[in-house]
Amino acid sequence: MELKASLMYLPTSIYRGWAYALIPTSSLLLSFNAIAAERVLLKYGGLSRSVAVDELTTLAETGEASSSLQALLETAGEEPETLRQGLTEELEVSPVLLDQILNSGPGEWALDRVGEAIHPPSGRASRQALRSAFVLSASDDNQVTPLEVIQNYPTAEVQVEGDRLQDTYSQVVEVVDDPASLLRDLDFGF
């Protein structure tokens, strides 16, 4: 009888054990998801201004620049439309394939290039942070834009070198579209 009674409670104790194991994990995932860029230190040469990510989102969606963003762009001699195009360049790719590519030699090279344009204010780029932002951006719709990478960057503030953004992002697009082309361009004998 005692054995039968203890077996009855076995599934309940297993479920409780799993629940206790999953609670800290789900909290970690929720807190990780909560860390995302809210502010951007947007730089053009020696000029810089801190703007909300929402201001860049509005520019990308509507073409309307906030007054502070407009002032920076005018002083830098840049057109809002140029920044808008740089923020909305789309790359279609599955998150699984993107992760595989970004974990390869050419992918890491591309992440290093993008890290020159999108990085934490400390200036020290992190491949892992960029890779995470790219893959997270692709996870919901199989598309990535520089704006999504900025939005998903896992720090509260991110620095964006506006004058380098489009060129460096285009390098990632090239690597993802044709990884072998980078190896040929770098003269690895392919």
N, C-alpha and C. Protein backbone atom coordinates (compact mmCIF):
# COMPACT_ATOMS: atom_id res chain seq x y z
N MET A 1 0.81 -1.19 0.00
CA MET A 1 0.00 0.00 0.00
C MET A 1 0.85 1.26 0.00
N GLU A 2 1.89 1.24 0.84
CA GLU A 2 2.73 2.42 0.94
C GLU A 2 3.42 2.71 -0.39
N LEU A 3 3.88 1.65 -1.08
CA LEU A 3 4.55 1.82 -2.36
C LEU A 3 3.59 2.42 -3.37
N LYS A 4 2.36 1.94 -3.39
CA LYS A 4 1.36 2.44 -4.32
C LYS A 4 1.05 3.91 -4.04
N ALA A 5 0.95 4.29 -2.78
CA ALA A 5 0.67 5.67 -2.40
C ALA A 5 1.82 6.59 -2.81
N SER A 6 3.05 6.14 -2.61
CA SER A 6 4.19 6.99 -2.98
C SER A 6 4.30 7.12 -4.49
N LEU A 7 3.94 6.10 -5.24
CA LEU A 7 3.96 6.20 -6.71
C LEU A 7 2.90 7.17 -7.21
N MET A 8 1.78 7.26 -6.46
CA MET A 8 0.74 8.21 -6.85
C MET A 8 1.25 9.63 -6.80
N TYR A 9 2.08 9.92 -5.84
CA TYR A 9 2.59 11.28 -5.67
C TYR A 9 3.85 11.56 -6.49
N LEU A 10 4.40 10.55 -7.11
CA LEU A 10 5.61 10.73 -7.90
C LEU A 10 5.42 11.74 -9.03
N PRO A 11 4.37 11.62 -9.84
CA PRO A 11 4.22 12.61 -10.90
C PRO A 11 4.09 14.03 -10.37
N THR A 12 3.40 14.22 -9.26
CA THR A 12 3.24 15.55 -8.70
C THR A 12 4.59 16.11 -8.27
N SER A 13 5.41 15.28 -7.65
CA SER A 13 6.72 15.77 -7.21
C SER A 13 7.62 16.07 -8.41
N ILE A 14 7.49 15.28 -9.45
CA ILE A 14 8.28 15.56 -10.67
C ILE A 14 7.84 16.88 -11.27
N TYR A 15 6.54 17.10 -11.34
CA TYR A 15 6.04 18.37 -11.89
C TYR A 15 6.51 19.56 -11.06
N ARG A 16 6.46 19.38 -9.71
CA ARG A 16 6.94 20.46 -8.84
C ARG A 16 8.42 20.72 -9.08
N GLY A 17 9.19 19.65 -9.24
CA GLY A 17 10.63 19.80 -9.50
C GLY A 17 10.89 20.57 -10.78
N TRP A 18 10.15 20.23 -11.83
CA TRP A 18 10.30 20.95 -13.11
C TRP A 18 9.87 22.40 -12.95
N ALA A 19 8.80 22.62 -12.22
CA ALA A 19 8.33 24.00 -12.02
C ALA A 19 9.39 24.81 -11.29
N TYR A 20 9.98 24.23 -10.25
CA TYR A 20 11.02 24.96 -9.51
C TYR A 20 12.25 25.21 -10.38
N ALA A 21 12.54 24.30 -11.27
CA ALA A 21 13.68 24.48 -12.17
C ALA A 21 13.39 25.52 -13.25
N LEU A 22 12.15 25.59 -13.70
CA LEU A 22 11.81 26.50 -14.80
C LEU A 22 11.57 27.94 -14.34
N ILE A 23 11.16 28.13 -13.11
CA ILE A 23 10.88 29.49 -12.64
C ILE A 23 12.10 30.39 -12.77
N PRO A 24 13.28 30.00 -12.28
CA PRO A 24 14.44 30.88 -12.44
C PRO A 24 14.82 31.07 -13.92
N THR A 25 14.67 30.01 -14.72
CA THR A 25 15.00 30.10 -16.13
C THR A 25 14.08 31.07 -16.84
N SER A 26 12.78 30.99 -16.57
CA SER A 26 11.85 31.91 -17.24
C SER A 26 12.09 33.33 -16.78
N SER A 27 12.45 33.53 -15.53
CA SER A 27 12.76 34.88 -15.05
C SER A 27 13.98 35.42 -15.77
N LEU A 28 14.98 34.56 -15.98
CA LEU A 28 16.18 34.98 -16.69
C LEU A 28 15.84 35.36 -18.12
N LEU A 29 15.03 34.56 -18.78
CA LEU A 29 14.64 34.87 -20.15
C LEU A 29 13.85 36.16 -20.23
N LEU A 30 12.94 36.37 -19.30
CA LEU A 30 12.16 37.59 -19.30
C LEU A 30 13.05 38.80 -19.04
N SER A 31 13.99 38.69 -18.13
CA SER A 31 14.87 39.82 -17.85
C SER A 31 15.80 40.07 -19.02
N PHE A 32 16.25 39.01 -19.71
CA PHE A 32 17.11 39.20 -20.88
C PHE A 32 16.34 39.91 -21.98
N ASN A 33 15.08 39.51 -22.15
CA ASN A 33 14.25 40.14 -23.16
C ASN A 33 14.00 41.61 -22.82
N ALA A 34 14.01 41.95 -21.56
CA ALA A 34 13.73 43.32 -21.15
C ALA A 34 14.91 44.24 -21.43
N ILE A 35 16.11 43.69 -21.58
CA ILE A 35 17.28 44.50 -21.87
C ILE A 35 17.33 44.73 -23.37
N ALA A 36 17.07 45.94 -23.77
CA ALA A 36 17.13 46.32 -25.17
C ALA A 36 17.42 47.80 -25.23
N ALA A 37 18.02 48.22 -26.32
CA ALA A 37 18.40 49.62 -26.45
C ALA A 37 17.18 50.53 -26.38
N GLU A 38 17.30 51.56 -25.56
CA GLU A 38 16.25 52.58 -25.44
C GLU A 38 16.74 53.91 -25.99
N ARG A 39 18.06 54.12 -25.93
CA ARG A 39 18.65 55.36 -26.41
C ARG A 39 19.78 55.03 -27.38
N VAL A 40 19.99 55.95 -28.30
CA VAL A 40 21.04 55.81 -29.29
C VAL A 40 21.89 57.07 -29.24
N LEU A 41 23.19 56.88 -29.12
CA LEU A 41 24.11 57.99 -29.28
C LEU A 41 24.48 57.99 -30.75
N LEU A 42 23.84 58.86 -31.51
CA LEU A 42 24.01 58.91 -32.96
C LEU A 42 25.13 59.88 -33.28
N LYS A 43 26.14 59.38 -34.01
CA LYS A 43 27.32 60.18 -34.31
C LYS A 43 27.51 60.34 -35.82
N TYR A 44 27.91 61.54 -36.17
CA TYR A 44 28.33 61.84 -37.54
C TYR A 44 29.64 62.61 -37.40
N GLY A 45 30.77 61.96 -37.70
CA GLY A 45 32.05 62.61 -37.51
C GLY A 45 32.23 62.99 -36.05
N GLY A 46 32.52 64.26 -35.79
CA GLY A 46 32.70 64.73 -34.42
C GLY A 46 31.42 65.17 -33.74
N LEU A 47 30.30 65.10 -34.45
CA LEU A 47 29.01 65.51 -33.90
C LEU A 47 28.26 64.30 -33.35
N SER A 48 27.59 64.50 -32.22
CA SER A 48 26.79 63.41 -31.68
C SER A 48 25.61 63.95 -30.90
N ARG A 49 24.59 63.14 -30.81
CA ARG A 49 23.40 63.50 -30.04
C ARG A 49 22.75 62.22 -29.57
N SER A 50 22.27 62.23 -28.33
CA SER A 50 21.53 61.10 -27.79
C SER A 50 20.07 61.26 -28.18
N VAL A 51 19.53 60.24 -28.83
CA VAL A 51 18.12 60.26 -29.24
C VAL A 51 17.47 58.95 -28.78
N ALA A 52 16.18 59.00 -28.59
CA ALA A 52 15.43 57.79 -28.22
C ALA A 52 15.32 56.88 -29.43
N VAL A 53 15.34 55.58 -29.18
CA VAL A 53 15.16 54.62 -30.27
C VAL A 53 13.83 54.89 -30.97
N ASP A 54 12.82 55.35 -30.20
CA ASP A 54 11.52 55.67 -30.79
C ASP A 54 11.62 56.76 -31.86
N GLU A 55 12.56 57.69 -31.70
CA GLU A 55 12.73 58.74 -32.70
C GLU A 55 13.24 58.16 -34.02
N LEU A 56 14.14 57.19 -33.92
CA LEU A 56 14.63 56.52 -35.14
C LEU A 56 13.53 55.67 -35.76
N THR A 57 12.72 55.05 -34.91
CA THR A 57 11.60 54.24 -35.41
C THR A 57 10.61 55.12 -36.16
N THR A 58 10.30 56.28 -35.61
CA THR A 58 9.38 57.21 -36.28
C THR A 58 9.95 57.66 -37.61
N LEU A 59 11.24 57.98 -37.64
CA LEU A 59 11.88 58.38 -38.90
C LEU A 59 11.78 57.25 -39.92
N ALA A 60 12.07 56.03 -39.50
CA ALA A 60 12.03 54.89 -40.42
C ALA A 60 10.62 54.63 -40.94
N GLU A 61 9.62 54.76 -40.09
CA GLU A 61 8.24 54.44 -40.48
C GLU A 61 7.56 55.56 -41.24
N THR A 62 7.85 56.81 -40.88
CA THR A 62 7.09 57.93 -41.46
C THR A 62 7.93 58.89 -42.30
N GLY A 63 9.25 58.84 -42.11
CA GLY A 63 10.11 59.81 -42.79
C GLY A 63 10.22 61.13 -42.03
N GLU A 64 9.53 61.25 -40.90
CA GLU A 64 9.54 62.47 -40.09
C GLU A 64 10.65 62.39 -39.05
N ALA A 65 11.53 63.38 -39.05
CA ALA A 65 12.60 63.44 -38.07
C ALA A 65 12.18 64.35 -36.93
N SER A 66 12.47 63.94 -35.70
CA SER A 66 12.21 64.79 -34.55
C SER A 66 13.10 66.03 -34.65
N SER A 67 12.77 67.05 -33.88
CA SER A 67 13.54 68.30 -33.96
C SER A 67 15.00 68.08 -33.58
N SER A 68 15.27 67.28 -32.56
CA SER A 68 16.66 67.04 -32.16
C SER A 68 17.41 66.23 -33.21
N LEU A 69 16.75 65.25 -33.80
CA LEU A 69 17.37 64.45 -34.85
C LEU A 69 17.60 65.30 -36.09
N GLN A 70 16.62 66.11 -36.44
CA GLN A 70 16.74 67.00 -37.59
C GLN A 70 17.91 67.97 -37.41
N ALA A 71 18.06 68.52 -36.20
CA ALA A 71 19.16 69.46 -35.92
C ALA A 71 20.51 68.78 -36.11
N LEU A 72 20.66 67.55 -35.61
CA LEU A 72 21.92 66.82 -35.78
C LEU A 72 22.20 66.57 -37.25
N LEU A 73 21.19 66.10 -37.98
CA LEU A 73 21.39 65.78 -39.39
C LEU A 73 21.73 67.02 -40.21
N GLU A 74 21.06 68.13 -39.93
CA GLU A 74 21.36 69.38 -40.64
C GLU A 74 22.78 69.84 -40.37
N THR A 75 23.18 69.81 -39.10
CA THR A 75 24.54 70.23 -38.74
C THR A 75 25.59 69.34 -39.39
N ALA A 76 25.29 68.04 -39.51
CA ALA A 76 26.22 67.09 -40.12
C ALA A 76 26.15 67.10 -41.64
N GLY A 77 25.18 67.84 -42.20
CA GLY A 77 25.04 67.88 -43.65
C GLY A 77 24.45 66.61 -44.23
N GLU A 78 23.65 65.93 -43.44
CA GLU A 78 23.02 64.67 -43.86
C GLU A 78 21.52 64.88 -44.07
N GLU A 79 20.98 64.14 -44.99
CA GLU A 79 19.54 64.17 -45.25
C GLU A 79 18.84 63.10 -44.40
N PRO A 80 17.69 63.43 -43.83
CA PRO A 80 16.94 62.41 -43.08
C PRO A 80 16.63 61.17 -43.92
N GLU A 81 16.38 61.36 -45.20
CA GLU A 81 16.04 60.22 -46.07
C GLU A 81 17.22 59.25 -46.19
N THR A 82 18.43 59.76 -46.17
CA THR A 82 19.60 58.89 -46.24
C THR A 82 19.67 58.01 -45.00
N LEU A 83 19.46 58.60 -43.83
CA LEU A 83 19.44 57.82 -42.59
C LEU A 83 18.28 56.83 -42.61
N ARG A 84 17.14 57.28 -43.09
CA ARG A 84 15.97 56.39 -43.16
C ARG A 84 16.27 55.17 -44.03
N GLN A 85 16.88 55.37 -45.16
CA GLN A 85 17.23 54.24 -46.04
C GLN A 85 18.21 53.31 -45.35
N GLY A 86 19.17 53.89 -44.64
CA GLY A 86 20.13 53.07 -43.92
C GLY A 86 19.50 52.25 -42.81
N LEU A 87 18.48 52.79 -42.17
CA LEU A 87 17.81 52.09 -41.08
C LEU A 87 16.86 51.00 -41.56
N THR A 88 16.38 51.11 -42.79
CA THR A 88 15.32 50.20 -43.25
C THR A 88 15.76 49.20 -44.32
N GLU A 89 17.06 49.13 -44.61
CA GLU A 89 17.53 48.14 -45.58
C GLU A 89 17.24 46.75 -45.06
N GLU A 90 16.49 45.97 -45.82
CA GLU A 90 16.03 44.66 -45.35
C GLU A 90 16.93 43.53 -45.83
N LEU A 91 17.09 42.57 -44.96
CA LEU A 91 17.79 41.33 -45.26
C LEU A 91 16.83 40.20 -44.91
N GLU A 92 16.48 39.38 -45.88
CA GLU A 92 15.58 38.25 -45.62
C GLU A 92 16.42 37.01 -45.36
N VAL A 93 16.24 36.44 -44.17
CA VAL A 93 17.00 35.25 -43.79
C VAL A 93 16.36 34.62 -42.57
N SER A 94 16.41 33.30 -42.50
CA SER A 94 15.87 32.62 -41.32
C SER A 94 16.84 32.82 -40.16
N PRO A 95 16.32 32.88 -38.95
CA PRO A 95 17.21 33.08 -37.79
C PRO A 95 18.22 31.94 -37.62
N VAL A 96 17.84 30.73 -37.97
CA VAL A 96 18.75 29.59 -37.83
C VAL A 96 19.92 29.72 -38.80
N LEU A 97 19.61 30.01 -40.06
CA LEU A 97 20.67 30.18 -41.05
C LEU A 97 21.54 31.39 -40.69
N LEU A 98 20.91 32.47 -40.26
CA LEU A 98 21.66 33.67 -39.89
C LEU A 98 22.63 33.36 -38.75
N ASP A 99 22.17 32.63 -37.74
CA ASP A 99 23.03 32.26 -36.63
C ASP A 99 24.21 31.42 -37.10
N GLN A 100 23.95 30.48 -38.00
CA GLN A 100 25.03 29.63 -38.53
C GLN A 100 26.05 30.48 -39.29
N ILE A 101 25.56 31.38 -40.11
CA ILE A 101 26.46 32.23 -40.90
C ILE A 101 27.27 33.14 -39.99
N LEU A 102 26.61 33.76 -39.01
CA LEU A 102 27.31 34.70 -38.13
C LEU A 102 28.27 34.00 -37.18
N ASN A 103 28.18 32.69 -37.06
CA ASN A 103 29.14 31.92 -36.26
C ASN A 103 30.27 31.34 -37.11
N SER A 104 30.30 31.68 -38.40
CA SER A 104 31.37 31.24 -39.28
C SER A 104 32.45 32.32 -39.36
N GLY A 105 33.55 32.00 -39.97
CA GLY A 105 34.64 32.97 -40.15
C GLY A 105 34.17 34.23 -40.88
N PRO A 106 33.53 34.08 -42.05
CA PRO A 106 33.04 35.28 -42.75
C PRO A 106 32.00 36.05 -41.94
N GLY A 107 31.16 35.33 -41.20
CA GLY A 107 30.15 35.99 -40.38
C GLY A 107 30.76 36.80 -39.26
N GLU A 108 31.79 36.25 -38.63
CA GLU A 108 32.47 36.99 -37.57
C GLU A 108 33.18 38.22 -38.13
N TRP A 109 33.74 38.08 -39.32
CA TRP A 109 34.36 39.23 -39.98
C TRP A 109 33.31 40.32 -40.21
N ALA A 110 32.13 39.93 -40.70
CA ALA A 110 31.05 40.89 -40.95
C ALA A 110 30.59 41.53 -39.64
N LEU A 111 30.48 40.74 -38.57
CA LEU A 111 30.08 41.30 -37.28
C LEU A 111 31.11 42.33 -36.79
N ASP A 112 32.39 42.05 -37.02
CA ASP A 112 33.42 43.01 -36.63
C ASP A 112 33.26 44.32 -37.40
N ARG A 113 32.89 44.23 -38.69
CA ARG A 113 32.68 45.45 -39.48
C ARG A 113 31.47 46.21 -38.97
N VAL A 114 30.38 45.51 -38.70
CA VAL A 114 29.18 46.17 -38.19
C VAL A 114 29.45 46.75 -36.80
N GLY A 115 30.30 46.08 -36.03
CA GLY A 115 30.66 46.57 -34.71
C GLY A 115 31.37 47.91 -34.75
N GLU A 116 31.90 48.28 -35.90
CA GLU A 116 32.50 49.61 -36.06
C GLU A 116 31.42 50.69 -36.17
N ALA A 117 30.22 50.30 -36.56
CA ALA A 117 29.12 51.26 -36.74
C ALA A 117 28.06 51.16 -35.64
N ILE A 118 27.88 50.00 -35.07
CA ILE A 118 26.89 49.79 -34.00
C ILE A 118 27.60 49.12 -32.84
N HIS A 119 27.71 49.83 -31.72
CA HIS A 119 28.44 49.29 -30.58
C HIS A 119 28.01 50.01 -29.31
N PRO A 120 28.37 49.45 -28.15
CA PRO A 120 28.05 50.14 -26.90
C PRO A 120 28.85 51.44 -26.82
N PRO A 121 28.41 52.39 -26.01
CA PRO A 121 29.14 53.66 -25.89
C PRO A 121 30.60 53.51 -25.45
N SER A 122 30.93 52.39 -24.83
CA SER A 122 32.33 52.17 -24.43
C SER A 122 33.24 52.06 -25.64
N GLY A 123 32.65 51.80 -26.81
CA GLY A 123 33.44 51.66 -28.03
C GLY A 123 33.92 50.25 -28.27
N ARG A 124 33.76 49.38 -27.30
CA ARG A 124 34.21 48.00 -27.44
C ARG A 124 33.06 47.17 -28.00
N ALA A 125 33.17 46.83 -29.25
CA ALA A 125 32.12 46.05 -29.90
C ALA A 125 32.11 44.63 -29.35
N SER A 126 30.96 44.03 -29.37
CA SER A 126 30.80 42.67 -28.90
C SER A 126 30.13 41.85 -29.99
N ARG A 127 30.86 40.87 -30.50
CA ARG A 127 30.26 39.99 -31.51
C ARG A 127 29.01 39.32 -30.98
N GLN A 128 29.07 38.87 -29.71
CA GLN A 128 27.94 38.15 -29.13
C GLN A 128 26.71 39.05 -29.06
N ALA A 129 26.89 40.30 -28.67
CA ALA A 129 25.76 41.22 -28.57
C ALA A 129 25.17 41.48 -29.95
N LEU A 130 26.02 41.71 -30.95
CA LEU A 130 25.52 41.93 -32.30
C LEU A 130 24.85 40.69 -32.86
N ARG A 131 25.48 39.53 -32.67
CA ARG A 131 24.90 38.29 -33.17
C ARG A 131 23.52 38.08 -32.56
N SER A 132 23.42 38.30 -31.26
CA SER A 132 22.14 38.18 -30.57
C SER A 132 21.10 39.14 -31.14
N ALA A 133 21.50 40.39 -31.36
CA ALA A 133 20.57 41.38 -31.90
C ALA A 133 20.12 41.01 -33.31
N PHE A 134 21.04 40.51 -34.14
CA PHE A 134 20.68 40.10 -35.50
C PHE A 134 19.70 38.93 -35.48
N VAL A 135 20.03 37.89 -34.73
CA VAL A 135 19.19 36.68 -34.71
C VAL A 135 17.83 36.99 -34.10
N LEU A 136 17.81 37.76 -33.03
CA LEU A 136 16.53 38.15 -32.42
C LEU A 136 15.68 38.96 -33.40
N SER A 137 16.32 39.80 -34.19
CA SER A 137 15.60 40.60 -35.18
C SER A 137 14.96 39.72 -36.25
N ALA A 138 15.64 38.66 -36.62
CA ALA A 138 15.11 37.76 -37.66
C ALA A 138 14.07 36.78 -37.12
N SER A 139 14.01 36.63 -35.81
CA SER A 139 13.20 35.55 -35.24
C SER A 139 11.70 35.68 -35.45
N ASP A 140 11.18 36.90 -35.60
CA ASP A 140 9.73 37.01 -35.73
C ASP A 140 9.23 37.04 -37.16
N ASP A 141 10.06 37.48 -38.11
CA ASP A 141 9.55 37.61 -39.49
C ASP A 141 10.57 37.24 -40.57
N ASN A 142 11.68 36.61 -40.19
CA ASN A 142 12.73 36.23 -41.14
C ASN A 142 13.29 37.42 -41.91
N GLN A 143 13.28 38.59 -41.29
CA GLN A 143 13.86 39.79 -41.88
C GLN A 143 14.64 40.55 -40.82
N VAL A 144 15.68 41.22 -41.27
CA VAL A 144 16.49 42.02 -40.36
C VAL A 144 16.73 43.37 -41.02
N THR A 145 16.60 44.43 -40.23
CA THR A 145 16.98 45.77 -40.68
C THR A 145 17.94 46.33 -39.63
N PRO A 146 18.76 47.31 -40.01
CA PRO A 146 19.62 47.93 -39.01
C PRO A 146 18.82 48.50 -37.83
N LEU A 147 17.64 49.04 -38.09
CA LEU A 147 16.82 49.57 -37.00
C LEU A 147 16.46 48.47 -36.01
N GLU A 148 16.09 47.29 -36.51
CA GLU A 148 15.76 46.17 -35.62
C GLU A 148 16.98 45.74 -34.81
N VAL A 149 18.15 45.75 -35.44
CA VAL A 149 19.38 45.39 -34.72
C VAL A 149 19.61 46.38 -33.58
N ILE A 150 19.40 47.66 -33.86
CA ILE A 150 19.54 48.69 -32.82
C ILE A 150 18.51 48.47 -31.72
N GLN A 151 17.27 48.22 -32.11
CA GLN A 151 16.20 48.01 -31.12
C GLN A 151 16.46 46.79 -30.24
N ASN A 152 17.08 45.76 -30.80
CA ASN A 152 17.31 44.52 -30.07
C ASN A 152 18.71 44.42 -29.47
N TYR A 153 19.50 45.47 -29.58
CA TYR A 153 20.85 45.43 -29.01
C TYR A 153 20.72 45.30 -27.49
N PRO A 154 21.44 44.35 -26.88
CA PRO A 154 21.19 44.03 -25.47
C PRO A 154 21.87 44.95 -24.45
N THR A 155 21.84 46.24 -24.70
CA THR A 155 22.26 47.22 -23.70
C THR A 155 21.25 48.36 -23.73
N ALA A 156 21.18 49.13 -22.67
CA ALA A 156 20.20 50.22 -22.60
C ALA A 156 20.53 51.33 -23.59
N GLU A 157 21.81 51.51 -23.90
CA GLU A 157 22.21 52.54 -24.86
C GLU A 157 23.18 51.93 -25.86
N VAL A 158 23.07 52.36 -27.08
CA VAL A 158 23.95 51.89 -28.14
C VAL A 158 24.44 53.10 -28.92
N GLN A 159 25.67 53.01 -29.40
CA GLN A 159 26.22 54.09 -30.20
C GLN A 159 26.17 53.68 -31.67
N VAL A 160 25.73 54.60 -32.51
CA VAL A 160 25.62 54.33 -33.94
C VAL A 160 26.41 55.39 -34.69
N GLU A 161 27.36 54.92 -35.48
CA GLU A 161 28.13 55.80 -36.34
C GLU A 161 27.32 55.97 -37.62
N GLY A 162 26.54 57.05 -37.68
CA GLY A 162 25.60 57.24 -38.77
C GLY A 162 26.23 57.25 -40.15
N ASP A 163 27.44 57.80 -40.25
CA ASP A 163 28.10 57.88 -41.55
C ASP A 163 28.66 56.53 -42.02
N ARG A 164 28.68 55.52 -41.16
CA ARG A 164 29.20 54.20 -41.52
C ARG A 164 28.11 53.14 -41.58
N LEU A 165 26.93 53.47 -41.10
CA LEU A 165 25.87 52.48 -40.90
C LEU A 165 25.53 51.71 -42.17
N GLN A 166 25.22 52.42 -43.24
CA GLN A 166 24.74 51.75 -44.44
C GLN A 166 25.83 50.88 -45.08
N ASP A 167 27.05 51.38 -45.14
CA ASP A 167 28.12 50.60 -45.76
C ASP A 167 28.41 49.32 -45.00
N THR A 168 28.50 49.42 -43.68
CA THR A 168 28.83 48.23 -42.91
C THR A 168 27.69 47.22 -42.91
N TYR A 169 26.46 47.69 -42.87
CA TYR A 169 25.32 46.76 -42.92
C TYR A 169 25.27 46.06 -44.27
N SER A 170 25.61 46.77 -45.32
CA SER A 170 25.64 46.16 -46.66
C SER A 170 26.65 45.01 -46.71
N GLN A 171 27.72 45.09 -45.94
CA GLN A 171 28.69 44.00 -45.89
C GLN A 171 28.07 42.75 -45.28
N VAL A 172 27.24 42.91 -44.27
CA VAL A 172 26.56 41.75 -43.68
C VAL A 172 25.61 41.15 -44.69
N VAL A 173 24.87 41.99 -45.39
CA VAL A 173 23.94 41.50 -46.42
C VAL A 173 24.70 40.68 -47.45
N GLU A 174 25.85 41.16 -47.87
CA GLU A 174 26.65 40.44 -48.86
C GLU A 174 27.11 39.09 -48.33
N VAL A 175 27.56 39.05 -47.08
CA VAL A 175 28.04 37.80 -46.49
C VAL A 175 26.90 36.80 -46.36
N VAL A 176 25.73 37.26 -45.93
CA VAL A 176 24.60 36.35 -45.76
C VAL A 176 24.09 35.87 -47.12
N ASP A 177 24.04 36.78 -48.10
CA ASP A 177 23.58 36.39 -49.44
C ASP A 177 24.55 35.43 -50.13
N ASP A 178 25.85 35.63 -49.92
CA ASP A 178 26.86 34.81 -50.60
C ASP A 178 28.13 34.77 -49.76
N PRO A 179 28.18 33.89 -48.75
CA PRO A 179 29.37 33.86 -47.88
C PRO A 179 30.67 33.59 -48.64
N ALA A 180 30.60 32.83 -49.71
CA ALA A 180 31.81 32.52 -50.48
C ALA A 180 32.38 33.77 -51.15
N SER A 181 31.52 34.77 -51.45
CA SER A 181 32.02 35.98 -52.09
C SER A 181 33.02 36.71 -51.20
N LEU A 182 32.79 36.70 -49.90
CA LEU A 182 33.72 37.35 -48.98
C LEU A 182 35.06 36.63 -49.01
N LEU A 183 35.02 35.31 -49.03
CA LEU A 183 36.27 34.57 -49.07
C LEU A 183 37.03 34.85 -50.37
N ARG A 184 36.30 34.98 -51.48
CA ARG A 184 36.96 35.33 -52.75
C ARG A 184 37.54 36.74 -52.67
N ASP A 185 36.75 37.67 -52.11
CA ASP A 185 37.20 39.07 -52.00
C ASP A 185 38.44 39.18 -51.12
N LEU A 186 38.52 38.36 -50.09
CA LEU A 186 39.68 38.40 -49.21
C LEU A 186 40.82 37.55 -49.72
N ASP A 187 40.63 36.96 -50.90
CA ASP A 187 41.65 36.18 -51.59
C ASP A 187 42.10 34.97 -50.77
N PHE A 188 41.11 34.16 -50.36
CA PHE A 188 41.40 32.92 -49.67
C PHE A 188 41.52 31.75 -50.66
N GLY A 189 41.57 32.06 -51.95
CA GLY A 189 41.77 31.03 -52.94
C GLY A 189 40.50 30.34 -53.42
N PHE A 190 39.35 30.91 -53.18
CA PHE A 190 38.10 30.28 -53.65
C PHE A 190 37.70 30.84 -54.97
